[in-house]
Amino acid sequence: MSLPYPINIPKVLEELGWLRYLEVSSMTLILFDYSLTFNEEVRFIWSNGWRKKPLITGLFVINRYLPIVAQSFNVYSRLNPNVTYNVSKFAVAYWLIGTSISQLLVTDSIVWLCVCALYGNAKKIRYSLLALFLTSIACGILVLGLVGRHSKGTNSIAPGINACLVYTPFKNLWEFWVPILVYETTTLILVSRKYYEYVTKAIHWNSPLLEVILKNTFLYLAIVFGIYIGSSVLWSMSDPLSGLLDSTTVAMLSILGNRMLFNLREEGMRGDGSGELTESPESQRTRLETLDFS
């Protein structure tokens, strides 16, 4: 399907080049992190009674492997010089949106569990935050549906130049991030409150596991909040600039979520259930606080 009107082809090709570089870079980052943390996956997930904790195991599997599958297809659809219109339509309209929202759901579910743990699983916090989370996702999907139904794309930018491209303006698409940012801001405020109490020693933390949850969740939310702000700005622009951070966002959500789960499992294995540490050695390889990949 060709374009119904002329576009600035050199500018679009340059922007598509940036997008492709980021797609490949994100895929490389995911695989690189996978190779570095595979031993931790075996130790903290598969060798640690994974059948007894199906929720955590399920969240990890999706958070770990969905981005690998998703990015593989994204790279194929973006770099394939002979991409068809049907593949382009599926890649942009269904695959990219579906996998990105799924990744967002999984990673923020991990954050929801952590925030609930910091507040002692109080029902008021648990259910109020869950309702806000589900509402924000539903509102975001509604915005995507309303904007997306007016969008049109192509697989042929010019004769002999094939690429996935949405050529209609993404009017108000940035509003997708508004409810998401409301939820992220709420969780960041809740965690910041606990972090302030921790730093000022307003409360006594007798559980190393809770300290790990606090530090990791606070850092995760701070990083992700910045990424979401950047994405909301880009989504107010035209394609392909609007999608520059999509692959990076998915990669960072996956990596940060995995490392958070590794840290929680590690600290849980080091404790005897009463908050006291055992003599088990502490691994520093997957500390989210430093994001040390070495």
Protein backbone atom coordinates (compact mmCIF):
# COMPACT_ATOMS: atom_id res chain seq x y z
CA MET A 1 0.00 0.00 0.00
CA SER A 2 1.55 3.31 -1.06
CA LEU A 3 1.27 6.75 0.50
CA PRO A 4 -1.71 8.90 -0.57
CA TYR A 5 0.38 12.07 -0.50
CA PRO A 6 4.10 12.99 -0.74
CA ILE A 7 6.30 13.10 2.35
CA ASN A 8 9.82 14.26 3.16
CA ILE A 9 11.47 10.96 2.28
CA PRO A 10 15.05 11.81 3.41
CA LYS A 11 13.74 12.97 6.81
CA VAL A 12 11.53 9.89 7.24
CA LEU A 13 14.38 7.56 6.25
CA GLU A 14 16.67 9.25 8.78
CA GLU A 15 14.10 8.84 11.53
CA LEU A 16 13.49 5.23 10.51
CA GLY A 17 17.23 4.68 10.79
CA TRP A 18 17.18 5.91 14.40
CA LEU A 19 14.22 3.68 15.14
CA ARG A 20 15.95 0.62 13.67
CA TYR A 21 19.14 1.30 15.61
CA LEU A 22 17.17 1.48 18.85
CA GLU A 23 15.23 -1.69 18.02
CA VAL A 24 18.47 -3.62 17.46
CA SER A 25 20.14 -2.00 20.49
CA SER A 26 17.22 -2.93 22.74
CA MET A 27 17.26 -6.51 21.49
CA THR A 28 21.01 -6.68 22.09
CA LEU A 29 20.60 -5.26 25.60
CA ILE A 30 17.92 -7.81 26.47
CA LEU A 31 20.03 -10.73 25.22
CA PHE A 32 23.17 -9.36 26.89
CA ASP A 33 21.39 -9.08 30.22
CA TYR A 34 19.95 -12.57 29.70
CA SER A 35 23.42 -14.04 29.24
CA LEU A 36 24.72 -12.26 32.34
CA THR A 37 21.86 -13.25 34.63
CA PHE A 38 21.05 -16.77 33.42
CA ASN A 39 22.83 -18.31 36.42
CA GLU A 40 20.76 -16.12 38.73
CA GLU A 41 17.61 -17.26 36.93
CA VAL A 42 18.48 -20.90 37.56
CA ARG A 43 19.48 -20.27 41.17
CA PHE A 44 16.72 -17.92 42.31
CA ILE A 45 13.80 -19.12 40.17
CA TRP A 46 14.08 -22.69 38.92
CA SER A 47 16.10 -24.08 41.84
CA ASN A 48 14.07 -22.30 44.49
CA GLY A 49 10.74 -24.14 44.59
CA TRP A 50 9.17 -22.42 41.60
CA ARG A 51 6.10 -24.67 41.74
CA LYS A 52 5.27 -23.38 45.22
CA LYS A 53 5.08 -19.77 44.02
CA PRO A 54 3.19 -19.89 40.72
CA LEU A 55 2.32 -16.17 40.70
CA ILE A 56 5.91 -14.99 41.07
CA THR A 57 7.18 -17.64 38.67
CA GLY A 58 4.53 -16.74 36.10
CA LEU A 59 5.32 -13.03 36.34
CA PHE A 60 9.01 -13.77 35.91
CA VAL A 61 8.56 -16.02 32.87
CA ILE A 62 6.42 -13.44 31.07
CA ASN A 63 8.63 -10.54 32.11
CA ARG A 64 11.77 -12.41 31.04
CA TYR A 65 10.77 -14.07 27.79
CA LEU A 66 7.96 -11.96 26.32
CA PRO A 67 10.36 -9.12 25.42
CA ILE A 68 12.70 -11.56 23.67
CA VAL A 69 9.89 -12.88 21.48
CA ALA A 70 8.37 -9.43 20.99
CA GLN A 71 11.63 -7.74 20.03
CA SER A 72 12.57 -10.56 17.65
CA PHE A 73 9.45 -9.89 15.59
CA ASN A 74 9.85 -6.11 15.90
CA VAL A 75 13.39 -6.28 14.54
CA TYR A 76 12.23 -8.54 11.70
CA SER A 77 9.37 -6.23 10.71
CA ARG A 78 11.50 -3.09 10.92
CA LEU A 79 14.58 -4.40 9.09
CA ASN A 80 12.98 -6.67 6.50
CA PRO A 81 13.39 -4.92 3.11
CA ASN A 82 10.55 -6.98 1.63
CA VAL A 83 8.01 -6.47 4.41
CA THR A 84 4.42 -6.84 3.23
CA TYR A 85 1.49 -4.57 4.08
CA ASN A 86 -0.21 -7.27 6.17
CA VAL A 87 2.96 -7.84 8.20
CA SER A 88 3.38 -4.09 8.68
CA LYS A 89 -0.21 -3.69 9.83
CA PHE A 90 0.03 -6.60 12.25
CA ALA A 91 3.39 -5.41 13.60
CA VAL A 92 2.29 -1.85 14.35
CA ALA A 93 -1.45 -2.14 15.03
CA TYR A 94 -1.52 -5.37 17.03
CA TRP A 95 1.84 -6.89 17.93
CA LEU A 96 3.68 -3.79 19.15
CA ILE A 97 0.72 -2.45 21.11
CA GLY A 98 -0.30 -5.83 22.54
CA THR A 99 3.16 -6.90 23.71
CA SER A 100 3.97 -3.44 25.11
CA ILE A 101 0.80 -3.31 27.19
CA SER A 102 1.38 -6.89 28.36
CA GLN A 103 4.90 -5.95 29.45
CA LEU A 104 3.55 -2.91 31.27
CA LEU A 105 0.94 -5.05 33.04
CA VAL A 106 3.46 -7.64 34.19
CA THR A 107 6.15 -5.26 35.44
CA ASP A 108 3.72 -2.97 37.22
CA SER A 109 2.15 -6.04 38.83
CA ILE A 110 5.56 -6.75 40.37
CA VAL A 111 5.70 -3.16 41.60
CA TRP A 112 2.19 -3.47 43.02
CA LEU A 113 3.24 -6.54 45.02
CA CYS A 114 6.31 -4.69 46.33
CA VAL A 115 4.38 -1.58 47.38
CA CYS A 116 1.79 -3.74 49.14
CA ALA A 117 4.60 -5.51 51.01
CA LEU A 118 6.05 -2.17 52.15
CA TYR A 119 2.69 -1.27 53.68
CA GLY A 120 2.20 -4.63 55.35
CA ASN A 121 -0.34 -5.79 52.75
CA ALA A 122 -2.89 -3.39 54.21
CA LYS A 123 -6.20 -3.92 52.43
CA LYS A 124 -6.77 -0.19 52.01
CA ILE A 125 -3.51 0.19 50.10
CA ARG A 126 -3.72 -3.12 48.26
CA TYR A 127 -7.19 -2.78 46.78
CA SER A 128 -7.10 0.98 46.22
CA LEU A 129 -3.82 0.70 44.34
CA LEU A 130 -5.07 -2.30 42.37
CA ALA A 131 -8.22 -0.41 41.35
CA LEU A 132 -6.12 2.58 40.25
CA PHE A 133 -3.75 0.29 38.34
CA LEU A 134 -6.51 -1.48 36.42
CA THR A 135 -8.32 1.79 35.74
CA SER A 136 -5.17 3.42 34.36
CA ILE A 137 -4.53 0.49 32.03
CA ALA A 138 -8.17 0.48 30.86
CA CYS A 139 -8.08 4.23 30.17
CA GLY A 140 -4.81 3.87 28.29
CA ILE A 141 -6.23 1.09 26.11
CA LEU A 142 -9.32 3.23 25.45
CA VAL A 143 -7.13 6.09 24.22
CA LEU A 144 -5.19 3.71 21.95
CA GLY A 145 -8.44 2.39 20.51
CA LEU A 146 -9.94 5.82 19.85
CA VAL A 147 -6.78 7.17 18.24
CA GLY A 148 -5.78 3.96 16.49
CA ARG A 149 -9.02 3.50 14.59
CA HIS A 150 -8.28 6.68 12.64
CA SER A 151 -4.68 5.74 11.90
CA LYS A 152 -3.48 4.38 8.57
CA GLY A 153 -0.14 2.93 7.57
CA THR A 154 1.90 1.69 4.67
CA ASN A 155 4.69 -0.71 3.84
CA SER A 156 5.91 1.32 0.86
CA ILE A 157 7.37 4.77 1.49
CA ALA A 158 8.50 5.18 -2.11
CA PRO A 159 9.09 2.91 -5.11
CA GLY A 160 11.64 0.33 -4.02
CA ILE A 161 11.68 1.51 -0.37
CA ASN A 162 9.66 -0.71 1.96
CA ALA A 163 9.20 -0.03 5.67
CA CYS A 164 6.47 -0.05 8.32
CA LEU A 165 5.13 3.48 8.64
CA VAL A 166 1.99 5.10 10.05
CA TYR A 167 1.38 8.20 7.95
CA THR A 168 -1.67 9.68 9.71
CA PRO A 169 -1.04 12.08 12.63
CA PHE A 170 -1.14 10.52 16.10
CA LYS A 171 -3.52 13.17 17.39
CA ASN A 172 -3.78 13.06 21.19
CA LEU A 173 -1.98 9.69 21.38
CA TRP A 174 0.21 11.12 24.15
CA GLU A 175 -2.89 11.01 26.37
CA PHE A 176 -2.29 7.26 26.69
CA TRP A 177 0.45 8.05 29.20
CA VAL A 178 -1.65 10.36 31.39
CA PRO A 179 -3.49 7.62 33.37
CA ILE A 180 -0.31 5.50 33.42
CA LEU A 181 1.65 8.41 34.88
CA VAL A 182 -1.08 8.99 37.47
CA TYR A 183 -0.60 5.43 38.70
CA GLU A 184 3.20 5.66 38.58
CA THR A 185 3.12 8.98 40.45
CA THR A 186 0.90 7.48 43.15
CA THR A 187 3.19 4.49 43.66
CA LEU A 188 6.26 6.75 43.61
CA ILE A 189 4.72 8.95 46.33
CA LEU A 190 3.88 5.91 48.45
CA VAL A 191 7.37 4.46 48.11
CA SER A 192 9.03 7.87 48.60
CA ARG A 193 7.18 8.22 51.88
CA LYS A 194 8.58 4.92 53.10
CA TYR A 195 12.02 5.78 51.76
CA TYR A 196 11.96 9.07 53.69
CA GLU A 197 11.02 7.21 56.86
CA TYR A 198 13.84 4.77 56.18
CA VAL A 199 16.48 7.47 55.61
CA THR A 200 15.41 9.58 58.60
CA LYS A 201 15.06 6.45 60.74
CA ALA A 202 11.51 7.49 61.59
CA ILE A 203 10.66 3.80 61.69
CA HIS A 204 12.83 0.80 62.51
CA TRP A 205 13.27 -1.69 59.69
CA ASN A 206 14.03 -5.10 61.17
CA SER A 207 13.73 -6.95 57.87
CA PRO A 208 16.54 -6.86 55.27
CA LEU A 209 14.01 -8.12 52.74
CA LEU A 210 11.85 -5.02 53.20
CA GLU A 211 14.92 -2.82 52.82
CA VAL A 212 15.71 -4.48 49.49
CA ILE A 213 12.10 -4.07 48.35
CA LEU A 214 12.16 -0.39 49.34
CA LYS A 215 15.43 0.50 47.59
CA ASN A 216 14.72 -1.49 44.44
CA THR A 217 11.15 -0.26 44.05
CA PHE A 218 12.16 3.36 44.63
CA LEU A 219 14.94 3.19 42.01
CA TYR A 220 12.73 1.33 39.54
CA LEU A 221 9.94 3.90 39.80
CA ALA A 222 12.36 6.82 39.46
CA ILE A 223 13.88 5.39 36.26
CA VAL A 224 10.59 4.29 34.72
CA PHE A 225 8.91 7.60 35.54
CA GLY A 226 11.57 9.40 33.49
CA ILE A 227 11.15 6.96 30.58
CA TYR A 228 7.36 7.39 30.60
CA ILE A 229 7.68 11.19 30.56
CA GLY A 230 9.99 10.92 27.54
CA SER A 231 7.61 8.54 25.79
CA SER A 232 4.63 10.84 26.35
CA VAL A 233 6.55 13.70 24.71
CA LEU A 234 7.56 11.56 21.72
CA TRP A 235 4.04 10.18 21.30
CA SER A 236 2.86 13.72 20.61
CA MET A 237 5.03 13.70 17.47
CA SER A 238 4.58 11.96 14.14
CA ASP A 239 5.71 8.44 13.31
CA PRO A 240 8.46 7.18 13.34
CA LEU A 241 9.71 9.62 16.01
CA SER A 242 6.76 8.69 18.21
CA GLY A 243 8.03 5.13 18.59
CA LEU A 244 11.69 5.85 19.32
CA LEU A 245 11.52 4.85 22.99
CA ASP A 246 9.05 1.96 22.63
CA SER A 247 11.68 -0.78 22.35
CA THR A 248 13.90 0.84 24.98
CA THR A 249 10.95 1.07 27.37
CA VAL A 250 10.12 -2.63 26.96
CA ALA A 251 13.78 -3.59 27.44
CA MET A 252 14.20 -1.51 30.59
CA LEU A 253 10.92 -2.73 32.09
CA SER A 254 12.01 -6.32 31.55
CA ILE A 255 15.55 -5.90 32.87
CA LEU A 256 14.56 -3.87 35.93
CA GLY A 257 11.67 -6.21 36.73
CA ASN A 258 13.87 -9.30 36.46
CA ARG A 259 16.56 -7.86 38.68
CA MET A 260 13.98 -6.81 41.23
CA LEU A 261 12.67 -10.39 41.40
CA PHE A 262 16.20 -11.78 41.64
CA ASN A 263 16.98 -9.46 44.54
CA LEU A 264 13.78 -10.39 46.35
CA ARG A 265 14.42 -14.11 45.90
CA GLU A 266 18.04 -13.71 46.99
CA GLU A 267 17.17 -11.80 50.14
CA GLY A 268 14.36 -14.21 50.89
CA MET A 269 16.81 -17.13 50.70
CA ARG A 270 19.19 -15.31 53.04
CA GLY A 271 16.60 -14.79 55.76
CA ASP A 272 15.24 -17.35 58.18
CA GLY A 273 11.74 -15.89 58.18
CA SER A 274 12.24 -13.64 61.21
CA GLY A 275 14.14 -10.89 59.48
CA GLU A 276 17.56 -12.10 60.63
CA LEU A 277 20.24 -13.00 58.13
CA THR A 278 21.82 -16.42 57.77
CA GLU A 279 25.42 -17.10 56.82
CA SER A 280 24.57 -17.52 53.13
CA PRO A 281 26.82 -15.39 50.91
CA GLU A 282 25.30 -12.28 49.37
CA SER A 283 25.64 -11.92 45.60
CA GLN A 284 26.13 -8.41 44.31
CA ARG A 285 25.84 -9.27 40.64
CA THR A 286 22.20 -8.45 40.17
CA ARG A 287 21.82 -5.47 42.51
CA LEU A 288 19.25 -3.13 41.03
CA GLU A 289 20.66 -0.24 43.03
CA THR A 290 23.80 -0.14 40.86
CA LEU A 291 22.64 -1.95 37.71
CA ASP A 292 26.09 -3.54 37.70
CA PHE A 293 26.24 -5.73 34.58
CA SER A 294 29.70 -7.07 35.35
